[in-house]
Amino acid sequence: MPLRVLFLTLGASFVVLVLAGLLLLNQATAGIVESKKQASIAEAIGIHSFMQQQLRLPETRNVAINEQLIQLAALAGAESGRYQVLIQGPSSVYQSSEILAESVPAELRAAVESGTGMFVTPTEVVFVDDDQAPVPGWAVGTVLVDSGGERYPIFYIFQMTSEVATIRALQGAVVSTGLALLGALAAIAYMVTVTVVRPVRKASQTALRLASGNLDERMLVRGTDDIASLAESMNEMADDLQQRIRELETLSAVQRRFVSDVSHELRTPLTTIKMATDVIHESRGAFPPQTARAAELMFSEIERFDVMLQDLLEISRFDAGAAVLSLEDVDLAALVRSEVQAHTALAEQQGTELRFTARGDATAMMDSRRIRRILRNLLVNAIEHGEGRPVHVTVAGDEDSVAVTVRDHGVGFPAAQAAQVFERFWRADPSRTRVVGGSGLGLAISLEDARLHDGWLSAWGRPGKGAQFRLTLPKDTDTALTSSPLPIIPTDVTARRTDT
C-alpha cells in the first residue's frame, strides 16, 4: 500500500508539475517574444526614420541611388550586432554581410511591395556561414522613398539569440525545480503514507492473529487521533469477540458433554428394555392379535431408538475429536458388493432393484467398519427415496484413488441443497414420512467418516431426476486427492445433454 500511494502521488504530482511548467514556460516565452517584437518595431521605426532622412539629404541628390543604398547598407553593417538590413535596389539587393536573403519571408516581401506602412513577422535568420545554425528572429519590412518618389523595399532583421538563451535557461530552471519538487513531494508522501499505513498494517496483523486463535492480541493505543480511535475499536472488538467465542466454546462443550452423558446414561436402561422387548417379541405368537402387533411395533421402535443412540454416541466422538481409524488394505469393490447383497432384501420390500458395476483396481487403505457404515447409509437413503426405481451402484479406481457412486432415480433435491443434505437432522421435505427409518444423522456421520479418511463425500440431485452420492478415497494416506475416478454428475444425465 505505501508503494501504491507513493506511485499515485508521484504520478499525480508529475502531471501537475508538467502542466504547471508548460503553462509557465508558455507564458514566459510569449512574454519574451512579444517584448522582443515590440522592441524590434520601435528600433526599426527609429532606424528607418534616420535612413529616410539620409536618403533625402540635399548633398545626396547628385549621388546615384545605388551608391546611396550601398552606403545605407554599410551604415547598417556597423550596427550588425543589433540588427541586419536588406535593401532591394533597382538592380540588385544590398544586405548586411552576415545574413542571406532567405532570412526575409516571401509573404513579408509581398506585403511590403503591395502596401504601405510597416510590417512585422517572425522569421528564421539564415547566416552566410554554414557552420552557424539559423536562429529565430523578427523581420520588419517597409519602404524607403527617395526625393524622386521611387520606392525601395527595406527589411530589418532582429535576431533573438539572447532571448533564446534566456528561454533555454528558464526551461532548465523549470525542469530542475520540477524534479526537486517531485523528489520533495515523494519524500513527504512516503513519510505521510508510512505514518498512516503503519497503524493500519498493525491492525491487519492483529486481526490475522485474532483469526488464527490468538484472542489475547491487542493494539497499542497512542494519542487521541483517528488512528488511536481505530486501535481502541479494534481492542474493543477483540474483547467482545474473545468473550463471545469463549461463551460459544463453553456452550458447545456443555452441549457435547450433555449429548455424550445422556447417550451413555441411556445405554443401560435401553439394553434392559431391549432384552425384555426381545423376549416379548419372540413370544408374540402366543398373544392376541392386538397385543402381538403392539409387541412388533415396540420392537421396531426400540431398534430404531438403539440406532439413533449409537449415532448420537458416534457424533459425540467426532465432536470430541476422539474418532480414530483402523486402516487396512481393503478391496472396495468386494466391500460394496457385500453391502449390496446385504440390502437386497430391503430393496425387494420397496420394489427396488439394486444394480452393481465395478471396474479397475479398487484396493485402498481404509477403515472397513466406517466405510461399511457410509455405504449402508447411502444405500438405505437411495432405497427410501428411489420411488421403487432401480438403484445403480458403481465402483471404480485409478492410480491415486477409488470411488463409489450410488445413483437413484427418485424424488431428488434442488441443486442448492447439495450441501444441506449432510447437515444433522436435515430433511428436504419435513412432511415426508420415513419408510425405512433412521436417526437423521446418517449422512452427517458418513461425511465425518469420509473426512476422517481425507476423502470426499459429494452429492448431486435434481427434483424429479433423482440423486447421486459419490464417495472418493485416496489409495494411501500419503496421497492428496485431486480428482475422482467417477464423475459427480450421473452419466445418464450428461448423455442426455449430449444428445440434445
Protein backbone atom coordinates (compact mmCIF):
# COMPACT_ATOMS: atom_id res chain seq x y z
CA MET A 1 0.00 0.00 0.00
CA PRO A 2 2.77 2.58 0.75
CA LEU A 3 4.30 1.96 -2.66
CA ARG A 4 0.92 2.22 -4.36
CA VAL A 5 0.15 5.51 -2.62
CA LEU A 6 3.67 6.74 -3.37
CA PHE A 7 3.37 5.91 -7.07
CA LEU A 8 -0.08 7.50 -7.28
CA THR A 9 1.21 10.64 -5.57
CA LEU A 10 4.27 10.79 -7.80
CA GLY A 11 2.15 10.26 -10.90
CA ALA A 12 -0.34 12.95 -9.98
CA SER A 13 2.43 15.33 -8.89
CA PHE A 14 4.34 14.71 -12.13
CA VAL A 15 1.27 15.53 -14.22
CA VAL A 16 0.57 18.70 -12.21
CA LEU A 17 4.20 19.83 -12.36
CA VAL A 18 4.41 19.19 -16.11
CA LEU A 19 1.22 21.14 -16.75
CA ALA A 20 2.36 23.98 -14.47
CA GLY A 21 5.81 24.01 -16.09
CA LEU A 22 4.35 24.09 -19.59
CA LEU A 23 2.00 26.92 -18.62
CA LEU A 24 4.84 28.87 -17.03
CA LEU A 25 7.16 28.36 -20.00
CA ASN A 26 4.44 29.26 -22.47
CA GLN A 27 3.63 32.46 -20.65
CA ALA A 28 7.29 33.39 -20.15
CA THR A 29 8.17 32.57 -23.77
CA ALA A 30 5.21 34.52 -25.06
CA GLY A 31 6.21 37.49 -22.90
CA ILE A 32 9.84 37.41 -24.05
CA VAL A 33 8.90 37.05 -27.70
CA GLU A 34 6.31 39.80 -27.53
CA SER A 35 8.77 42.09 -25.75
CA LYS A 36 11.37 41.44 -28.45
CA LYS A 37 8.76 42.13 -31.11
CA GLN A 38 7.82 45.49 -29.65
CA ALA A 39 11.48 46.43 -29.15
CA SER A 40 12.25 45.44 -32.74
CA ILE A 41 9.40 47.53 -34.09
CA ALA A 42 10.43 50.55 -32.03
CA GLU A 43 14.06 50.26 -33.08
CA ALA A 44 13.09 49.68 -36.71
CA ILE A 45 11.00 52.85 -36.68
CA GLY A 46 13.95 54.88 -35.41
CA ILE A 47 16.40 53.33 -37.87
CA HIS A 48 14.02 53.77 -40.76
CA SER A 49 13.45 57.44 -39.95
CA PHE A 50 17.19 58.02 -39.87
CA MET A 51 17.73 56.21 -43.19
CA GLN A 52 14.88 58.06 -44.79
CA GLN A 53 16.46 61.38 -43.76
CA GLN A 54 19.84 60.28 -45.10
CA LEU A 55 18.30 59.35 -48.42
CA ARG A 56 16.73 62.84 -48.84
CA LEU A 57 19.68 64.99 -47.82
CA PRO A 58 20.40 67.74 -50.42
CA GLU A 59 24.04 66.73 -50.81
CA THR A 60 22.94 63.19 -51.89
CA ARG A 61 20.80 64.36 -54.80
CA ASN A 62 23.63 64.10 -57.31
CA VAL A 63 24.72 60.69 -55.97
CA ALA A 64 23.45 57.61 -57.77
CA ILE A 65 20.73 55.75 -55.92
CA ASN A 66 22.73 52.54 -55.93
CA GLU A 67 25.60 54.24 -54.16
CA GLN A 68 23.21 55.74 -51.62
CA LEU A 69 21.66 52.33 -50.89
CA ILE A 70 25.12 50.78 -50.60
CA GLN A 71 26.10 53.44 -48.09
CA LEU A 72 22.93 52.86 -46.08
CA ALA A 73 23.54 49.09 -46.05
CA ALA A 74 27.14 49.73 -44.97
CA LEU A 75 25.88 52.03 -42.23
CA ALA A 76 23.64 49.22 -41.01
CA GLY A 77 26.59 46.85 -41.12
CA ALA A 78 28.29 48.93 -38.46
CA GLU A 79 25.39 48.06 -36.16
CA SER A 80 25.35 44.36 -37.15
CA GLY A 81 25.46 43.29 -33.54
CA ARG A 82 21.99 44.72 -33.04
CA TYR A 83 20.28 44.10 -36.37
CA GLN A 84 20.83 43.31 -40.03
CA VAL A 85 19.35 45.09 -43.01
CA LEU A 86 18.38 44.08 -46.53
CA ILE A 87 17.55 46.75 -49.20
CA GLN A 88 16.12 45.88 -52.55
CA GLY A 89 17.56 48.34 -55.04
CA PRO A 90 16.58 48.96 -58.65
CA SER A 91 19.13 46.48 -59.99
CA SER A 92 20.32 44.38 -57.04
CA VAL A 93 19.84 43.59 -53.39
CA TYR A 94 22.06 45.19 -50.76
CA GLN A 95 22.32 43.44 -47.41
CA SER A 96 24.43 43.01 -44.32
CA SER A 97 27.37 40.74 -44.85
CA GLU A 98 26.28 38.20 -42.20
CA ILE A 99 22.83 37.08 -43.44
CA LEU A 100 21.29 35.69 -46.57
CA ALA A 101 18.28 36.99 -48.45
CA GLU A 102 16.34 33.86 -47.40
CA SER A 103 16.04 35.45 -43.95
CA VAL A 104 13.16 37.59 -45.30
CA PRO A 105 9.92 35.59 -45.64
CA ALA A 106 8.26 35.74 -49.04
CA GLU A 107 4.93 36.85 -47.54
CA LEU A 108 6.66 39.86 -45.97
CA ARG A 109 8.19 40.83 -49.34
CA ALA A 110 4.79 40.66 -50.98
CA ALA A 111 3.16 42.71 -48.20
CA VAL A 112 5.80 45.44 -48.43
CA GLU A 113 5.68 45.62 -52.23
CA SER A 114 1.91 45.85 -52.37
CA GLY A 115 1.17 48.00 -49.32
CA THR A 116 2.23 50.98 -47.34
CA GLY A 117 3.37 51.24 -43.77
CA MET A 118 5.48 48.92 -41.67
CA PHE A 119 5.00 45.16 -41.47
CA VAL A 120 6.45 42.68 -38.98
CA THR A 121 6.58 38.90 -39.00
CA PRO A 122 8.58 36.15 -37.23
CA THR A 123 11.36 34.65 -39.28
CA GLU A 124 14.38 32.38 -39.22
CA VAL A 125 17.66 34.22 -39.64
CA VAL A 126 19.91 32.32 -42.06
CA PHE A 127 23.59 33.16 -41.90
CA VAL A 128 26.21 33.19 -44.61
CA ASP A 129 28.41 30.96 -42.50
CA ASP A 130 27.16 27.38 -42.92
CA ASP A 131 28.57 26.40 -39.54
CA GLN A 132 26.29 28.89 -37.82
CA ALA A 133 22.84 27.44 -37.22
CA PRO A 134 19.75 29.52 -38.07
CA VAL A 135 18.17 31.37 -35.15
CA PRO A 136 14.65 32.74 -34.71
CA GLY A 137 14.08 36.44 -35.07
CA TRP A 138 11.77 39.21 -36.22
CA ALA A 139 11.67 40.74 -39.70
CA VAL A 140 10.33 44.29 -40.04
CA GLY A 141 9.62 45.47 -43.56
CA THR A 142 8.81 48.87 -45.03
CA VAL A 143 9.93 51.11 -47.97
CA LEU A 144 12.44 53.89 -48.48
CA VAL A 145 11.25 56.73 -50.72
CA ASP A 146 13.83 58.92 -52.41
CA SER A 147 13.39 62.55 -53.39
CA GLY A 148 12.07 61.45 -56.72
CA GLY A 149 9.30 59.34 -55.17
CA GLU A 150 10.85 55.97 -56.02
CA ARG A 151 10.07 53.14 -53.54
CA TYR A 152 12.75 50.74 -52.35
CA PRO A 153 11.73 47.87 -50.01
CA ILE A 154 13.89 47.61 -46.91
CA PHE A 155 13.87 44.86 -44.29
CA TYR A 156 15.30 44.99 -40.77
CA ILE A 157 16.25 41.62 -39.28
CA PHE A 158 16.47 41.35 -35.49
CA GLN A 159 17.99 38.17 -34.04
CA MET A 160 16.63 36.58 -30.86
CA THR A 161 19.88 34.90 -29.80
CA SER A 162 19.88 36.30 -26.28
CA GLU A 163 16.15 35.70 -25.88
CA VAL A 164 16.57 32.06 -26.97
CA ALA A 165 19.34 31.65 -24.42
CA THR A 166 17.10 33.18 -21.77
CA ILE A 167 14.24 30.81 -22.67
CA ARG A 168 16.54 27.79 -22.57
CA ALA A 169 17.90 28.85 -19.19
CA LEU A 170 14.33 29.27 -17.99
CA GLN A 171 13.46 25.78 -19.27
CA GLY A 172 16.41 24.28 -17.42
CA ALA A 173 15.42 26.09 -14.26
CA VAL A 174 11.82 24.88 -14.56
CA VAL A 175 12.91 21.26 -15.16
CA SER A 176 15.41 21.23 -12.28
CA THR A 177 12.92 22.92 -9.96
CA GLY A 178 10.22 20.43 -11.01
CA LEU A 179 12.48 17.46 -10.33
CA ALA A 180 13.43 18.87 -6.94
CA LEU A 181 9.77 19.44 -6.10
CA LEU A 182 8.91 15.95 -7.31
CA GLY A 183 11.57 14.44 -5.06
CA ALA A 184 10.39 16.53 -2.11
CA LEU A 185 6.78 15.52 -2.73
CA ALA A 186 7.82 11.87 -2.95
CA ALA A 187 9.60 12.09 0.39
CA ILE A 188 6.64 13.86 2.00
CA ALA A 189 4.16 11.37 0.52
CA TYR A 190 6.26 8.45 1.72
CA MET A 191 6.50 9.81 5.26
CA VAL A 192 2.78 10.56 5.41
CA THR A 193 1.92 7.16 3.93
CA VAL A 194 4.15 5.29 6.34
CA THR A 195 2.70 7.27 9.25
CA VAL A 196 -0.85 6.36 8.22
CA VAL A 197 -0.29 2.86 6.86
CA ARG A 198 1.85 1.51 9.69
CA PRO A 199 -1.05 1.53 12.22
CA VAL A 200 -3.39 0.10 9.58
CA ARG A 201 -0.89 -2.68 8.88
CA LYS A 202 -0.61 -3.29 12.61
CA ALA A 203 -4.40 -3.54 12.78
CA SER A 204 -4.37 -6.03 9.90
CA GLN A 205 -1.74 -8.17 11.61
CA THR A 206 -3.69 -8.03 14.85
CA ALA A 207 -6.85 -9.13 13.04
CA LEU A 208 -4.96 -12.05 11.46
CA ARG A 209 -3.65 -13.15 14.85
CA LEU A 210 -7.16 -12.93 16.28
CA ALA A 211 -8.47 -15.00 13.36
CA SER A 212 -5.75 -17.61 13.97
CA GLY A 213 -6.97 -18.06 17.54
CA ASN A 214 -4.69 -15.70 19.50
CA LEU A 215 -7.56 -13.94 21.26
CA ASP A 216 -5.26 -12.12 23.69
CA GLU A 217 -3.70 -10.00 20.93
CA ARG A 218 -4.31 -6.23 21.32
CA MET A 219 -3.19 -3.00 19.64
CA LEU A 220 -1.16 -0.30 21.40
CA VAL A 221 -3.17 2.93 21.75
CA ARG A 222 -1.24 6.18 21.38
CA GLY A 223 -2.71 9.67 21.30
CA THR A 224 -6.28 10.70 20.57
CA ASP A 225 -6.33 10.88 16.77
CA ASP A 226 -8.24 8.70 14.30
CA ILE A 227 -5.52 6.02 14.40
CA ALA A 228 -5.89 5.81 18.17
CA SER A 229 -9.67 5.51 17.72
CA LEU A 230 -9.05 2.66 15.28
CA ALA A 231 -6.83 0.91 17.82
CA GLU A 232 -9.43 1.35 20.56
CA SER A 233 -12.17 0.00 18.28
CA MET A 234 -10.00 -2.99 17.36
CA ASN A 235 -9.32 -3.73 21.02
CA GLU A 236 -12.99 -3.44 21.92
CA MET A 237 -13.90 -5.75 19.05
CA ALA A 238 -11.24 -8.22 20.18
CA ASP A 239 -12.56 -8.16 23.76
CA ASP A 240 -16.12 -8.72 22.62
CA LEU A 241 -15.05 -11.43 20.16
CA GLN A 242 -13.00 -13.18 22.82
CA GLN A 243 -15.89 -13.13 25.26
CA ARG A 244 -18.39 -14.44 22.71
CA ILE A 245 -16.05 -17.17 21.46
CA ARG A 246 -15.43 -18.34 25.00
CA GLU A 247 -19.17 -18.37 25.64
CA LEU A 248 -19.72 -20.39 22.46
CA GLU A 249 -16.90 -22.77 23.35
CA THR A 250 -18.34 -23.24 26.80
CA LEU A 251 -21.83 -23.78 25.40
CA SER A 252 -20.51 -26.18 22.77
CA ALA A 253 -18.56 -28.13 25.37
CA VAL A 254 -21.63 -28.31 27.62
CA GLN A 255 -23.75 -29.44 24.68
CA ARG A 256 -21.27 -32.13 23.63
CA ARG A 257 -20.95 -33.38 27.19
CA PHE A 258 -24.72 -33.37 27.58
CA VAL A 259 -25.19 -35.45 24.42
CA SER A 260 -22.40 -37.81 25.41
CA ASP A 261 -23.60 -38.20 29.00
CA VAL A 262 -27.23 -38.68 28.03
CA SER A 263 -26.28 -41.21 25.36
CA HIS A 264 -24.16 -43.18 27.78
CA GLU A 265 -26.75 -42.99 30.54
CA LEU A 266 -29.43 -44.25 28.18
CA ARG A 267 -27.38 -47.26 27.12
CA THR A 268 -28.00 -49.25 30.30
CA PRO A 269 -31.81 -48.83 30.55
CA LEU A 270 -32.12 -49.24 26.78
CA THR A 271 -30.19 -52.51 26.93
CA THR A 272 -32.53 -53.78 29.64
CA ILE A 273 -35.60 -52.65 27.72
CA LYS A 274 -34.25 -54.20 24.51
CA MET A 275 -33.66 -57.55 26.25
CA ALA A 276 -37.18 -57.53 27.63
CA THR A 277 -38.57 -56.49 24.24
CA ASP A 278 -36.71 -59.34 22.52
CA VAL A 279 -38.32 -61.81 24.91
CA ILE A 280 -41.77 -60.32 24.32
CA HIS A 281 -41.20 -60.18 20.55
CA GLU A 282 -40.17 -63.85 20.42
CA SER A 283 -43.33 -64.81 22.36
CA ARG A 284 -45.73 -62.67 20.29
CA GLY A 285 -47.20 -65.79 18.66
CA ALA A 286 -48.97 -66.64 21.90
CA PHE A 287 -50.51 -63.15 22.22
CA PRO A 288 -53.84 -61.91 20.92
CA PRO A 289 -53.53 -60.11 17.53
CA GLN A 290 -53.64 -56.61 19.00
CA THR A 291 -51.02 -57.43 21.65
CA ALA A 292 -48.80 -59.16 19.08
CA ARG A 293 -48.98 -56.10 16.81
CA ALA A 294 -48.08 -53.85 19.74
CA ALA A 295 -45.09 -56.10 20.51
CA GLU A 296 -43.90 -55.82 16.90
CA LEU A 297 -44.25 -52.01 16.92
CA MET A 298 -42.45 -51.77 20.23
CA PHE A 299 -39.62 -53.97 18.94
CA SER A 300 -39.15 -51.93 15.72
CA GLU A 301 -39.23 -48.57 17.52
CA ILE A 302 -36.75 -49.73 20.17
CA GLU A 303 -34.48 -50.95 17.37
CA ARG A 304 -34.75 -47.53 15.77
CA PHE A 305 -34.07 -45.85 19.10
CA ASP A 306 -30.99 -48.04 19.55
CA VAL A 307 -29.69 -46.96 16.13
CA MET A 308 -30.29 -43.30 16.99
CA LEU A 309 -28.48 -43.70 20.28
CA GLN A 310 -25.49 -45.28 18.54
CA ASP A 311 -25.42 -42.41 16.03
CA LEU A 312 -25.53 -39.86 18.83
CA LEU A 313 -22.61 -41.58 20.54
CA GLU A 314 -20.67 -41.54 17.25
CA ILE A 315 -21.42 -37.86 16.69
CA SER A 316 -20.21 -37.08 20.20
CA ARG A 317 -16.93 -38.87 19.41
CA PHE A 318 -16.47 -36.76 16.27
CA ASP A 319 -17.24 -33.57 18.20
CA ALA A 320 -14.75 -34.54 20.90
CA GLY A 321 -12.07 -35.41 18.30
CA ALA A 322 -11.88 -38.94 19.69
CA ALA A 323 -12.66 -40.76 16.44
CA VAL A 324 -9.72 -42.80 15.12
CA LEU A 325 -9.18 -45.00 12.08
CA SER A 326 -8.19 -48.64 11.93
CA LEU A 327 -6.65 -48.77 8.45
CA GLU A 328 -6.06 -51.88 6.37
CA ASP A 329 -5.84 -52.83 2.70
CA VAL A 330 -9.42 -53.41 1.55
CA ASP A 331 -10.92 -54.17 -1.84
CA LEU A 332 -13.66 -51.54 -2.07
CA ALA A 333 -15.43 -53.44 -4.85
CA ALA A 334 -15.79 -56.57 -2.68
CA LEU A 335 -16.89 -54.44 0.27
CA VAL A 336 -19.57 -52.69 -1.79
CA ARG A 337 -20.75 -55.96 -3.33
CA SER A 338 -21.30 -57.50 0.12
CA GLU A 339 -23.25 -54.42 1.28
CA VAL A 340 -25.41 -54.52 -1.84
CA GLN A 341 -26.19 -58.18 -1.20
CA ALA A 342 -26.98 -57.42 2.44
CA HIS A 343 -29.54 -54.79 1.40
CA THR A 344 -31.13 -56.79 -1.40
CA ALA A 345 -33.96 -57.98 0.86
CA LEU A 346 -34.76 -54.42 1.97
CA ALA A 347 -34.69 -53.26 -1.65
CA GLU A 348 -37.08 -56.03 -2.71
CA GLN A 349 -39.51 -54.98 0.04
CA GLN A 350 -39.60 -51.50 -1.51
CA GLY A 351 -39.79 -52.85 -5.07
CA THR A 352 -36.32 -51.55 -5.90
CA GLU A 353 -33.67 -53.33 -7.96
CA LEU A 354 -30.02 -52.90 -6.91
CA ARG A 355 -27.56 -52.94 -9.84
CA PHE A 356 -23.82 -53.22 -9.16
CA THR A 357 -20.91 -52.41 -11.51
CA ALA A 358 -17.16 -52.39 -10.81
CA ARG A 359 -14.12 -51.56 -12.92
CA GLY A 360 -10.45 -51.04 -12.27
CA ASP A 361 -8.33 -51.77 -9.20
CA ALA A 362 -10.30 -50.55 -6.16
CA THR A 363 -7.94 -51.63 -3.37
CA ALA A 364 -7.09 -48.87 -0.88
CA MET A 365 -6.17 -48.22 2.75
CA MET A 366 -9.40 -47.72 4.72
CA ASP A 367 -11.32 -48.48 7.88
CA SER A 368 -13.73 -51.10 6.60
CA ARG A 369 -16.17 -50.62 9.52
CA ARG A 370 -16.60 -46.93 8.81
CA ILE A 371 -16.76 -47.41 5.02
CA ARG A 372 -19.45 -50.07 5.50
CA ARG A 373 -21.42 -47.54 7.58
CA ILE A 374 -21.13 -44.95 4.81
CA LEU A 375 -22.29 -47.48 2.19
CA ARG A 376 -25.13 -48.62 4.43
CA ASN A 377 -26.37 -45.05 4.87
CA LEU A 378 -26.12 -44.30 1.13
CA LEU A 379 -27.91 -47.50 0.12
CA VAL A 380 -30.70 -47.08 2.67
CA ASN A 381 -31.12 -43.45 1.62
CA ALA A 382 -31.32 -44.42 -2.07
CA ILE A 383 -33.81 -47.22 -1.42
CA GLU A 384 -36.01 -44.95 0.70
CA HIS A 385 -36.08 -42.09 -1.81
CA GLY A 386 -35.82 -44.13 -5.03
CA GLU A 387 -39.58 -44.41 -5.56
CA GLY A 388 -39.20 -48.11 -6.43
CA ARG A 389 -36.93 -47.39 -9.42
CA PRO A 390 -33.56 -49.15 -9.92
CA VAL A 391 -30.56 -48.02 -7.88
CA HIS A 392 -27.19 -48.15 -9.66
CA VAL A 393 -24.04 -48.71 -7.56
CA THR A 394 -20.71 -48.20 -9.37
CA VAL A 395 -17.14 -48.72 -8.12
CA ALA A 396 -14.01 -47.55 -9.96
CA GLY A 397 -10.35 -46.89 -9.23
CA ASP A 398 -7.35 -45.19 -10.78
CA GLU A 399 -3.69 -44.75 -9.80
CA ASP A 400 -4.34 -42.47 -6.82
CA SER A 401 -7.92 -43.01 -5.63
CA VAL A 402 -11.01 -45.18 -5.52
CA ALA A 403 -14.65 -44.13 -5.68
CA VAL A 404 -18.17 -45.46 -5.39
CA THR A 405 -21.40 -43.82 -6.57
CA VAL A 406 -24.95 -44.62 -5.52
CA ARG A 407 -27.48 -43.38 -8.07
CA ASP A 408 -31.24 -43.40 -7.56
CA HIS A 409 -33.99 -42.11 -9.85
CA GLY A 410 -36.40 -40.95 -7.18
CA VAL A 411 -37.59 -37.58 -5.90
CA GLY A 412 -34.14 -35.93 -5.89
CA PHE A 413 -33.50 -32.49 -4.44
CA PRO A 414 -32.63 -28.98 -5.72
CA ALA A 415 -29.00 -28.24 -6.60
CA ALA A 416 -28.84 -25.58 -3.86
CA GLN A 417 -29.42 -28.30 -1.23
CA ALA A 418 -26.39 -30.42 -2.24
CA ALA A 419 -24.50 -29.31 0.89
CA GLN A 420 -27.52 -29.22 3.21
CA VAL A 421 -28.21 -32.96 2.81
CA PHE A 422 -25.20 -33.63 5.06
CA GLU A 423 -26.47 -31.44 7.89
CA ARG A 424 -27.66 -33.09 11.08
CA PHE A 425 -31.39 -33.92 11.19
CA TRP A 426 -31.93 -32.10 7.87
CA ARG A 427 -34.82 -33.25 5.68
CA ALA A 428 -35.61 -31.96 2.19
CA ASP A 429 -39.33 -32.46 2.80
CA PRO A 430 -40.28 -32.35 6.52
CA SER A 431 -43.76 -33.63 5.71
CA ARG A 432 -42.39 -36.79 4.10
CA THR A 433 -42.73 -39.91 6.30
CA ARG A 434 -39.67 -42.14 6.61
CA VAL A 435 -40.28 -45.56 5.12
CA VAL A 436 -37.14 -47.36 6.19
CA GLY A 437 -36.46 -45.26 9.27
CA GLY A 438 -33.25 -43.71 10.59
CA SER A 439 -31.93 -41.18 13.03
CA GLY A 440 -31.43 -38.26 10.63
CA LEU A 441 -27.70 -38.40 11.40
CA GLY A 442 -26.61 -40.99 8.84
CA LEU A 443 -25.33 -38.64 6.13
CA ALA A 444 -23.72 -36.32 8.69
CA ILE A 445 -21.83 -39.28 10.19
CA SER A 446 -20.92 -40.51 6.70
CA LEU A 447 -19.43 -37.10 5.84
CA GLU A 448 -17.33 -37.17 9.02
CA ASP A 449 -16.15 -40.71 8.23
CA ALA A 450 -15.12 -39.60 4.72
CA ARG A 451 -13.22 -36.61 6.09
CA LEU A 452 -11.51 -38.86 8.62
CA HIS A 453 -10.12 -40.78 5.60
CA ASP A 454 -9.08 -37.48 3.92
CA GLY A 455 -11.70 -38.31 1.32
CA TRP A 456 -14.69 -36.64 -0.33
CA LEU A 457 -18.38 -37.29 0.01
CA SER A 458 -20.36 -35.31 -2.57
CA ALA A 459 -23.99 -35.14 -3.59
CA TRP A 460 -25.81 -34.30 -6.83
CA GLY A 461 -29.56 -34.03 -7.23
CA ARG A 462 -32.35 -32.55 -9.30
CA PRO A 463 -36.07 -32.57 -8.46
CA GLY A 464 -37.76 -35.44 -10.25
CA LYS A 465 -34.47 -36.73 -11.70
CA GLY A 466 -33.13 -38.48 -8.65
CA ALA A 467 -29.84 -38.11 -6.82
CA GLN A 468 -26.30 -39.43 -6.86
CA PHE A 469 -23.86 -39.65 -3.94
CA ARG A 470 -20.15 -40.18 -4.57
CA LEU A 471 -17.53 -41.33 -2.07
CA THR A 472 -13.89 -40.81 -3.10
CA LEU A 473 -10.96 -42.14 -1.02
CA PRO A 474 -7.18 -41.91 -1.53
CA LYS A 475 -5.44 -45.23 -2.07
CA ASP A 476 -2.91 -44.47 0.69
CA THR A 477 -2.54 -41.95 3.47
CA ASP A 478 0.29 -40.07 1.70
CA THR A 479 -1.81 -39.21 -1.35
CA ALA A 480 -3.83 -35.98 -1.54
CA LEU A 481 -7.00 -36.15 -3.61
CA THR A 482 -7.07 -34.00 -6.73
CA SER A 483 -9.69 -35.85 -8.79
CA SER A 484 -12.10 -38.75 -8.66
CA PRO A 485 -12.36 -41.83 -10.91
CA LEU A 486 -16.12 -41.25 -11.18
CA PRO A 487 -18.00 -38.05 -12.10
CA ILE A 488 -20.40 -36.49 -9.63
CA ILE A 489 -22.96 -35.81 -12.37
CA PRO A 490 -24.62 -39.08 -13.46
CA THR A 491 -23.57 -40.36 -16.88
CA ASP A 492 -27.20 -40.77 -17.97
CA VAL A 493 -27.76 -37.04 -17.39
CA THR A 494 -24.66 -35.98 -19.33
CA ALA A 495 -25.57 -38.38 -22.13
CA ARG A 496 -29.00 -36.75 -22.48
CA ARG A 497 -27.38 -33.30 -22.62
CA THR A 498 -25.02 -34.50 -25.38
CA ASP A 499 -27.87 -35.96 -27.39
CA THR A 500 -29.81 -32.75 -27.05
